[in-house]
Amino acid sequence: MSTKMPQKHAGLGRRLKAAMQNIHVDVFGYQAKVTSNILDYFESTSKELQIPRERLLIRIFCSPEPLRIAIYQNGRILRQIPIHELVTVFTAMPCDPSGELADKTGKNIQSFMKSYAEKKQIPIVHLQVCILTGPEHVWVLGYDLATHKGDIPLKELIKHFMA
């Protein structure tokens, strides 16, 4: 007995397969936990800097080679964030500043940014990945300098922190 679909249903099979690829189930609750961690981080940073959380954003960029991360308000840098601090935010585990996890994560994020820049056809030195929050949401956005290039699913960024 053949398991091959009849030709008249082949289009339906492709559409179902494509639809299933876009379905995401957060079985272990990683995305919910990371969202909570990011919201908590923004809240504590907001209190520390005495600036409303909604006015803060994190920018990740490569200029030209090393990964750089900073907190901004209205286009002005408030402070640099070391990679190990961002790893702690995403994983909820303390990260040794000089450890392998910080180095590996930095390389994973650079690799993600390189592939995203190629996909969007922009120079990697122009790419900025911005993380910002709302009352209960976290958004990750890709920019070519000041031009919005697209939303990046948080789960996509999580993969590169957890790899």
N, C-alpha and C. Protein backbone atom coordinates (compact mmCIF):
# COMPACT_ATOMS: atom_id res chain seq x y z
N MET A 1 0.84 -1.18 0.00
CA MET A 1 0.00 0.00 0.00
C MET A 1 0.89 1.25 0.00
N SER A 2 0.60 2.16 -0.84
CA SER A 2 1.40 3.37 -0.98
C SER A 2 0.87 4.46 -0.04
N THR A 3 1.79 5.20 0.57
CA THR A 3 1.40 6.31 1.45
C THR A 3 1.47 7.64 0.71
N LYS A 4 1.74 7.57 -0.55
CA LYS A 4 1.84 8.79 -1.36
C LYS A 4 0.44 9.37 -1.57
N MET A 5 0.36 10.70 -1.47
CA MET A 5 -0.92 11.38 -1.65
C MET A 5 -1.28 11.42 -3.12
N PRO A 6 -2.57 11.30 -3.42
CA PRO A 6 -2.98 11.48 -4.81
C PRO A 6 -2.62 12.89 -5.28
N GLN A 7 -2.38 13.02 -6.55
CA GLN A 7 -1.92 14.29 -7.11
C GLN A 7 -2.88 15.44 -6.82
N LYS A 8 -4.20 15.19 -6.81
CA LYS A 8 -5.15 16.28 -6.61
C LYS A 8 -5.09 16.85 -5.19
N HIS A 9 -4.49 16.13 -4.22
CA HIS A 9 -4.39 16.62 -2.85
C HIS A 9 -2.97 17.09 -2.50
N ALA A 10 -2.06 17.06 -3.44
CA ALA A 10 -0.68 17.44 -3.18
C ALA A 10 -0.57 18.89 -2.74
N GLY A 11 -1.36 19.79 -3.31
CA GLY A 11 -1.33 21.20 -2.92
C GLY A 11 -1.77 21.39 -1.47
N LEU A 12 -2.78 20.65 -1.09
CA LEU A 12 -3.27 20.70 0.29
C LEU A 12 -2.19 20.23 1.25
N GLY A 13 -1.49 19.18 0.88
CA GLY A 13 -0.41 18.65 1.71
C GLY A 13 0.69 19.69 1.92
N ARG A 14 1.06 20.38 0.85
CA ARG A 14 2.09 21.43 0.96
C ARG A 14 1.61 22.57 1.85
N ARG A 15 0.34 22.95 1.68
CA ARG A 15 -0.19 24.05 2.50
C ARG A 15 -0.24 23.65 3.98
N LEU A 16 -0.64 22.42 4.27
CA LEU A 16 -0.65 21.96 5.66
C LEU A 16 0.75 21.92 6.25
N LYS A 17 1.69 21.44 5.47
CA LYS A 17 3.08 21.39 5.93
C LYS A 17 3.60 22.79 6.22
N ALA A 18 3.33 23.74 5.34
CA ALA A 18 3.76 25.13 5.53
C ALA A 18 3.09 25.73 6.77
N ALA A 19 1.82 25.45 6.96
CA ALA A 19 1.10 25.97 8.13
C ALA A 19 1.67 25.40 9.42
N MET A 20 2.01 24.12 9.41
CA MET A 20 2.55 23.48 10.61
C MET A 20 3.93 24.01 10.99
N GLN A 21 4.70 24.47 10.02
CA GLN A 21 6.02 25.02 10.31
C GLN A 21 5.92 26.32 11.08
N ASN A 22 4.82 27.05 10.95
CA ASN A 22 4.66 28.33 11.63
C ASN A 22 4.00 28.20 13.00
N ILE A 23 3.59 27.01 13.36
CA ILE A 23 2.98 26.80 14.66
C ILE A 23 4.08 26.63 15.69
N HIS A 24 3.94 27.35 16.79
CA HIS A 24 4.94 27.29 17.85
C HIS A 24 4.22 27.03 19.18
N VAL A 25 4.64 26.00 19.86
CA VAL A 25 4.09 25.70 21.16
C VAL A 25 5.24 25.79 22.16
N ASP A 26 5.06 26.62 23.16
CA ASP A 26 6.08 26.84 24.18
C ASP A 26 5.89 25.82 25.29
N VAL A 27 6.21 24.56 24.98
CA VAL A 27 5.94 23.44 25.88
C VAL A 27 6.59 23.63 27.24
N PHE A 28 7.83 24.07 27.26
CA PHE A 28 8.55 24.18 28.52
C PHE A 28 8.42 25.57 29.15
N GLY A 29 7.70 26.47 28.50
CA GLY A 29 7.48 27.80 29.05
C GLY A 29 8.67 28.73 28.95
N TYR A 30 9.64 28.42 28.07
CA TYR A 30 10.82 29.27 27.94
C TYR A 30 10.47 30.70 27.54
N GLN A 31 9.62 30.83 26.54
CA GLN A 31 9.30 32.17 26.05
C GLN A 31 8.60 32.99 27.14
N ALA A 32 7.69 32.37 27.87
CA ALA A 32 7.01 33.08 28.95
C ALA A 32 8.00 33.46 30.04
N LYS A 33 8.91 32.57 30.37
CA LYS A 33 9.91 32.86 31.42
C LYS A 33 10.86 33.96 30.96
N VAL A 34 11.34 33.88 29.72
CA VAL A 34 12.25 34.91 29.20
C VAL A 34 11.54 36.26 29.14
N THR A 35 10.28 36.26 28.72
CA THR A 35 9.51 37.51 28.69
C THR A 35 9.44 38.11 30.09
N SER A 36 9.14 37.27 31.07
CA SER A 36 9.08 37.74 32.46
C SER A 36 10.44 38.27 32.92
N ASN A 37 11.52 37.56 32.58
CA ASN A 37 12.87 38.00 32.95
C ASN A 37 13.20 39.36 32.34
N ILE A 38 12.86 39.53 31.07
CA ILE A 38 13.16 40.79 30.38
C ILE A 38 12.34 41.93 30.99
N LEU A 39 11.06 41.67 31.25
CA LEU A 39 10.22 42.70 31.88
C LEU A 39 10.77 43.09 33.26
N ASP A 40 11.20 42.10 34.03
CA ASP A 40 11.80 42.38 35.35
C ASP A 40 13.09 43.18 35.21
N TYR A 41 13.91 42.83 34.22
CA TYR A 41 15.17 43.55 33.99
C TYR A 41 14.89 45.01 33.63
N PHE A 42 13.95 45.22 32.73
CA PHE A 42 13.60 46.60 32.35
C PHE A 42 13.04 47.36 33.55
N GLU A 43 12.25 46.69 34.37
CA GLU A 43 11.67 47.35 35.55
C GLU A 43 12.76 47.77 36.53
N SER A 44 13.70 46.86 36.82
CA SER A 44 14.77 47.21 37.76
C SER A 44 15.69 48.28 37.18
N THR A 45 15.96 48.22 35.88
CA THR A 45 16.79 49.25 35.24
C THR A 45 16.06 50.59 35.26
N SER A 46 14.76 50.55 35.05
CA SER A 46 13.94 51.75 35.09
C SER A 46 14.03 52.43 36.45
N LYS A 47 13.93 51.64 37.50
CA LYS A 47 14.03 52.19 38.86
C LYS A 47 15.43 52.73 39.13
N GLU A 48 16.43 51.99 38.69
CA GLU A 48 17.82 52.40 38.90
C GLU A 48 18.12 53.73 38.21
N LEU A 49 17.65 53.87 36.97
CA LEU A 49 17.93 55.07 36.18
C LEU A 49 16.88 56.16 36.37
N GLN A 50 15.80 55.82 37.05
CA GLN A 50 14.67 56.73 37.28
C GLN A 50 14.10 57.25 35.96
N ILE A 51 13.88 56.30 35.05
CA ILE A 51 13.30 56.58 33.74
C ILE A 51 12.20 55.56 33.52
N PRO A 52 11.03 55.97 33.03
CA PRO A 52 9.95 54.99 32.78
C PRO A 52 10.41 53.86 31.86
N ARG A 53 9.99 52.67 32.19
CA ARG A 53 10.40 51.46 31.46
C ARG A 53 10.10 51.55 29.97
N GLU A 54 8.97 52.16 29.61
CA GLU A 54 8.55 52.25 28.22
C GLU A 54 9.47 53.14 27.38
N ARG A 55 10.28 53.94 28.03
CA ARG A 55 11.21 54.83 27.30
C ARG A 55 12.59 54.20 27.08
N LEU A 56 12.80 53.03 27.65
CA LEU A 56 14.10 52.35 27.53
C LEU A 56 14.06 51.32 26.42
N LEU A 57 15.21 51.09 25.80
CA LEU A 57 15.35 49.98 24.87
C LEU A 57 16.78 49.49 24.90
N ILE A 58 16.91 48.23 24.57
CA ILE A 58 18.23 47.61 24.47
C ILE A 58 18.56 47.49 23.00
N ARG A 59 19.74 47.94 22.61
CA ARG A 59 20.21 47.78 21.23
C ARG A 59 21.40 46.84 21.23
N ILE A 60 21.34 45.90 20.29
CA ILE A 60 22.45 44.97 20.07
C ILE A 60 22.94 45.25 18.66
N PHE A 61 24.25 45.48 18.52
CA PHE A 61 24.79 45.76 17.21
C PHE A 61 26.25 45.34 17.14
N CYS A 62 26.74 45.21 15.93
CA CYS A 62 28.14 44.87 15.68
C CYS A 62 28.80 46.09 15.06
N SER A 63 29.84 46.59 15.68
CA SER A 63 30.48 47.78 15.14
C SER A 63 31.99 47.69 15.22
N PRO A 64 32.67 47.37 14.23
CA PRO A 64 32.37 46.52 13.11
C PRO A 64 32.39 45.04 13.48
N GLU A 65 33.20 44.60 14.42
CA GLU A 65 33.27 43.17 14.70
C GLU A 65 32.71 42.80 16.07
N PRO A 66 33.17 43.39 17.15
CA PRO A 66 32.66 42.88 18.43
C PRO A 66 31.19 43.22 18.63
N LEU A 67 30.52 42.34 19.33
CA LEU A 67 29.12 42.55 19.66
C LEU A 67 29.04 43.62 20.73
N ARG A 68 28.13 44.59 20.53
CA ARG A 68 27.95 45.66 21.50
C ARG A 68 26.49 45.71 21.91
N ILE A 69 26.28 45.91 23.19
CA ILE A 69 24.93 45.94 23.74
C ILE A 69 24.85 47.13 24.68
N ALA A 70 23.76 47.89 24.58
CA ALA A 70 23.61 49.05 25.45
C ALA A 70 22.14 49.36 25.67
N ILE A 71 21.89 50.08 26.75
CA ILE A 71 20.54 50.59 27.05
C ILE A 71 20.49 52.03 26.55
N TYR A 72 19.40 52.35 25.84
CA TYR A 72 19.22 53.67 25.25
C TYR A 72 17.91 54.29 25.71
N GLN A 73 17.90 55.61 25.67
CA GLN A 73 16.67 56.39 25.82
C GLN A 73 16.74 57.53 24.81
N ASN A 74 15.72 57.63 23.97
CA ASN A 74 15.66 58.70 22.96
C ASN A 74 16.94 58.80 22.13
N GLY A 75 17.50 57.68 21.74
CA GLY A 75 18.70 57.67 20.91
C GLY A 75 19.99 57.96 21.66
N ARG A 76 19.91 58.15 22.95
CA ARG A 76 21.10 58.45 23.76
C ARG A 76 21.47 57.23 24.60
N ILE A 77 22.72 56.86 24.55
CA ILE A 77 23.18 55.70 25.32
C ILE A 77 23.22 56.05 26.81
N LEU A 78 22.64 55.17 27.60
CA LEU A 78 22.65 55.37 29.05
C LEU A 78 23.74 54.54 29.72
N ARG A 79 23.90 53.30 29.24
CA ARG A 79 25.00 52.49 29.74
C ARG A 79 25.19 51.25 28.88
N GLN A 80 26.42 50.78 28.84
CA GLN A 80 26.75 49.55 28.13
C GLN A 80 26.29 48.36 28.97
N ILE A 81 25.94 47.28 28.29
CA ILE A 81 25.57 46.04 28.98
C ILE A 81 26.55 44.96 28.52
N PRO A 82 27.24 44.34 29.45
CA PRO A 82 28.12 43.23 29.06
C PRO A 82 27.28 42.02 28.65
N ILE A 83 27.81 41.21 27.76
CA ILE A 83 27.07 40.05 27.24
C ILE A 83 26.64 39.12 28.37
N HIS A 84 27.47 38.96 29.39
CA HIS A 84 27.09 38.03 30.47
C HIS A 84 25.84 38.52 31.22
N GLU A 85 25.63 39.82 31.28
CA GLU A 85 24.43 40.35 31.93
C GLU A 85 23.18 40.03 31.10
N LEU A 86 23.29 40.14 29.79
CA LEU A 86 22.17 39.82 28.93
C LEU A 86 21.89 38.31 28.93
N VAL A 87 22.93 37.51 29.02
CA VAL A 87 22.75 36.05 29.12
C VAL A 87 21.97 35.73 30.40
N THR A 88 22.31 36.39 31.48
CA THR A 88 21.60 36.18 32.74
C THR A 88 20.13 36.55 32.60
N VAL A 89 19.84 37.63 31.89
CA VAL A 89 18.45 38.04 31.67
C VAL A 89 17.69 36.96 30.89
N PHE A 90 18.30 36.43 29.84
CA PHE A 90 17.62 35.45 28.99
C PHE A 90 17.53 34.07 29.63
N THR A 91 18.53 33.66 30.37
CA THR A 91 18.56 32.30 30.89
C THR A 91 18.17 32.20 32.36
N ALA A 92 18.13 33.32 33.06
CA ALA A 92 17.84 33.35 34.50
C ALA A 92 18.88 32.59 35.30
N MET A 93 20.07 32.43 34.72
CA MET A 93 21.16 31.77 35.41
C MET A 93 22.34 32.73 35.47
N PRO A 94 23.01 32.80 36.61
CA PRO A 94 24.20 33.66 36.67
C PRO A 94 25.22 33.19 35.65
N CYS A 95 25.86 34.14 35.03
CA CYS A 95 26.83 33.83 33.98
C CYS A 95 28.16 34.45 34.33
N ASP A 96 29.19 33.66 34.35
CA ASP A 96 30.54 34.14 34.63
C ASP A 96 30.98 35.08 33.51
N PRO A 97 31.38 36.31 33.83
CA PRO A 97 31.76 37.28 32.80
C PRO A 97 32.86 36.79 31.85
N SER A 98 33.76 35.98 32.36
CA SER A 98 34.85 35.50 31.51
C SER A 98 34.64 34.06 31.07
N GLY A 99 33.43 33.55 31.25
CA GLY A 99 33.16 32.15 30.99
C GLY A 99 32.84 31.81 29.55
N GLU A 100 32.78 30.52 29.31
CA GLU A 100 32.50 30.00 27.98
C GLU A 100 31.09 30.32 27.52
N LEU A 101 30.12 30.35 28.44
CA LEU A 101 28.73 30.60 28.07
C LEU A 101 28.57 31.99 27.44
N ALA A 102 29.20 32.98 28.04
CA ALA A 102 29.12 34.35 27.50
C ALA A 102 29.77 34.40 26.11
N ASP A 103 30.93 33.77 25.95
CA ASP A 103 31.60 33.75 24.65
C ASP A 103 30.77 33.04 23.60
N LYS A 104 30.24 31.87 23.96
CA LYS A 104 29.45 31.08 23.03
C LYS A 104 28.18 31.83 22.62
N THR A 105 27.52 32.44 23.59
CA THR A 105 26.31 33.19 23.30
C THR A 105 26.61 34.38 22.41
N GLY A 106 27.70 35.08 22.69
CA GLY A 106 28.10 36.21 21.85
C GLY A 106 28.30 35.79 20.40
N LYS A 107 28.95 34.65 20.20
CA LYS A 107 29.16 34.13 18.84
C LYS A 107 27.84 33.73 18.19
N ASN A 108 26.95 33.11 18.98
CA ASN A 108 25.64 32.73 18.44
C ASN A 108 24.83 33.95 18.01
N ILE A 109 24.86 34.99 18.81
CA ILE A 109 24.11 36.21 18.48
C ILE A 109 24.72 36.87 17.25
N GLN A 110 26.05 36.91 17.16
CA GLN A 110 26.71 37.48 15.97
C GLN A 110 26.33 36.69 14.73
N SER A 111 26.30 35.38 14.85
CA SER A 111 25.92 34.52 13.72
C SER A 111 24.48 34.80 13.30
N PHE A 112 23.58 34.92 14.27
CA PHE A 112 22.19 35.25 13.97
C PHE A 112 22.11 36.60 13.26
N MET A 113 22.83 37.58 13.77
CA MET A 113 22.78 38.92 13.18
C MET A 113 23.34 38.92 11.77
N LYS A 114 24.39 38.14 11.54
CA LYS A 114 24.97 38.05 10.20
C LYS A 114 23.96 37.45 9.22
N SER A 115 23.29 36.37 9.62
CA SER A 115 22.32 35.75 8.72
C SER A 115 21.10 36.65 8.52
N TYR A 116 20.68 37.36 9.56
CA TYR A 116 19.54 38.29 9.44
C TYR A 116 19.90 39.44 8.49
N ALA A 117 21.11 39.97 8.63
CA ALA A 117 21.55 41.07 7.76
C ALA A 117 21.62 40.60 6.30
N GLU A 118 22.11 39.40 6.07
CA GLU A 118 22.16 38.87 4.70
C GLU A 118 20.76 38.68 4.14
N LYS A 119 19.86 38.16 4.97
CA LYS A 119 18.48 37.93 4.55
C LYS A 119 17.79 39.25 4.18
N LYS A 120 18.05 40.28 4.96
CA LYS A 120 17.44 41.59 4.72
C LYS A 120 18.27 42.47 3.77
N GLN A 121 19.42 41.93 3.34
CA GLN A 121 20.32 42.61 2.39
C GLN A 121 20.77 43.97 2.91
N ILE A 122 21.28 43.97 4.13
CA ILE A 122 21.84 45.19 4.71
C ILE A 122 23.22 44.87 5.27
N PRO A 123 24.11 45.85 5.31
CA PRO A 123 25.43 45.60 5.92
C PRO A 123 25.27 45.31 7.41
N ILE A 124 26.03 44.36 7.90
CA ILE A 124 25.90 43.98 9.31
C ILE A 124 26.21 45.15 10.24
N VAL A 125 27.08 46.06 9.82
CA VAL A 125 27.40 47.21 10.69
C VAL A 125 26.23 48.19 10.78
N HIS A 126 25.24 48.06 9.90
CA HIS A 126 24.04 48.91 9.97
C HIS A 126 22.92 48.27 10.77
N LEU A 127 23.02 46.96 11.01
CA LEU A 127 21.95 46.23 11.68
C LEU A 127 21.94 46.53 13.18
N GLN A 128 20.75 46.81 13.68
CA GLN A 128 20.53 46.97 15.11
C GLN A 128 19.34 46.09 15.49
N VAL A 129 19.54 45.27 16.49
CA VAL A 129 18.44 44.47 17.04
C VAL A 129 18.03 45.18 18.32
N CYS A 130 16.78 45.62 18.36
CA CYS A 130 16.28 46.40 19.50
C CYS A 130 15.26 45.58 20.28
N ILE A 131 15.39 45.63 21.60
CA ILE A 131 14.46 44.97 22.50
C ILE A 131 13.77 46.06 23.29
N LEU A 132 12.43 46.07 23.23
CA LEU A 132 11.68 47.04 24.01
C LEU A 132 10.45 46.37 24.60
N THR A 133 9.86 47.03 25.59
CA THR A 133 8.76 46.42 26.32
C THR A 133 7.53 47.31 26.36
N GLY A 134 6.42 46.65 26.59
CA GLY A 134 5.15 47.30 26.89
C GLY A 134 4.75 46.84 28.28
N PRO A 135 3.51 47.04 28.66
CA PRO A 135 3.09 46.62 30.00
C PRO A 135 3.32 45.13 30.28
N GLU A 136 3.04 44.28 29.28
CA GLU A 136 3.24 42.84 29.49
C GLU A 136 3.85 42.15 28.28
N HIS A 137 4.40 42.92 27.37
CA HIS A 137 4.95 42.35 26.13
C HIS A 137 6.40 42.77 25.93
N VAL A 138 7.09 41.93 25.16
CA VAL A 138 8.45 42.23 24.74
C VAL A 138 8.47 42.17 23.23
N TRP A 139 9.04 43.18 22.61
CA TRP A 139 9.19 43.20 21.16
C TRP A 139 10.66 43.21 20.81
N VAL A 140 10.99 42.48 19.76
CA VAL A 140 12.34 42.47 19.21
C VAL A 140 12.21 42.95 17.77
N LEU A 141 12.92 44.01 17.44
CA LEU A 141 12.80 44.63 16.12
C LEU A 141 14.16 44.73 15.46
N GLY A 142 14.18 44.54 14.15
CA GLY A 142 15.41 44.69 13.38
C GLY A 142 15.40 46.02 12.64
N TYR A 143 16.51 46.73 12.72
CA TYR A 143 16.64 48.03 12.05
C TYR A 143 17.89 48.08 11.19
N ASP A 144 17.77 48.76 10.06
CA ASP A 144 18.90 49.15 9.22
C ASP A 144 19.11 50.62 9.55
N LEU A 145 20.05 50.91 10.44
CA LEU A 145 20.23 52.23 11.03
C LEU A 145 18.90 52.68 11.64
N ALA A 146 18.18 53.61 11.04
CA ALA A 146 16.92 54.09 11.61
C ALA A 146 15.70 53.53 10.89
N THR A 147 15.88 52.66 9.90
CA THR A 147 14.77 52.13 9.12
C THR A 147 14.36 50.76 9.66
N HIS A 148 13.11 50.64 10.05
CA HIS A 148 12.59 49.37 10.57
C HIS A 148 12.57 48.35 9.44
N LYS A 149 13.21 47.21 9.66
CA LYS A 149 13.28 46.16 8.65
C LYS A 149 12.38 44.98 8.95
N GLY A 150 11.89 44.89 10.17
CA GLY A 150 10.99 43.79 10.48
C GLY A 150 11.01 43.42 11.94
N ASP A 151 9.95 42.74 12.35
CA ASP A 151 9.88 42.22 13.70
C ASP A 151 10.61 40.88 13.74
N ILE A 152 11.27 40.61 14.84
CA ILE A 152 11.98 39.35 15.04
C ILE A 152 11.26 38.62 16.17
N PRO A 153 10.80 37.41 15.92
CA PRO A 153 10.13 36.68 17.01
C PRO A 153 11.08 36.47 18.19
N LEU A 154 10.59 36.72 19.38
CA LEU A 154 11.42 36.54 20.58
C LEU A 154 11.98 35.13 20.64
N LYS A 155 11.17 34.15 20.21
CA LYS A 155 11.63 32.75 20.24
C LYS A 155 12.88 32.56 19.39
N GLU A 156 13.02 33.35 18.33
CA GLU A 156 14.20 33.26 17.46
C GLU A 156 15.45 33.70 18.21
N LEU A 157 15.34 34.77 18.96
CA LEU A 157 16.47 35.26 19.75
C LEU A 157 16.77 34.30 20.89
N ILE A 158 15.74 33.75 21.50
CA ILE A 158 15.91 32.80 22.60
C ILE A 158 16.75 31.60 22.14
N LYS A 159 16.49 31.12 20.94
CA LYS A 159 17.24 29.96 20.41
C LYS A 159 18.73 30.21 20.46
N HIS A 160 19.15 31.43 20.17
CA HIS A 160 20.57 31.73 20.11
C HIS A 160 21.18 31.98 21.48
N PHE A 161 20.36 32.27 22.47
CA PHE A 161 20.85 32.38 23.84
C PHE A 161 20.91 31.02 24.50
N MET A 162 20.05 30.11 24.07
CA MET A 162 19.98 28.80 24.70
C MET A 162 20.83 27.75 23.99
N ALA A 163 21.37 28.07 22.83
CA ALA A 163 22.11 27.07 22.05
C ALA A 163 23.43 26.72 22.68
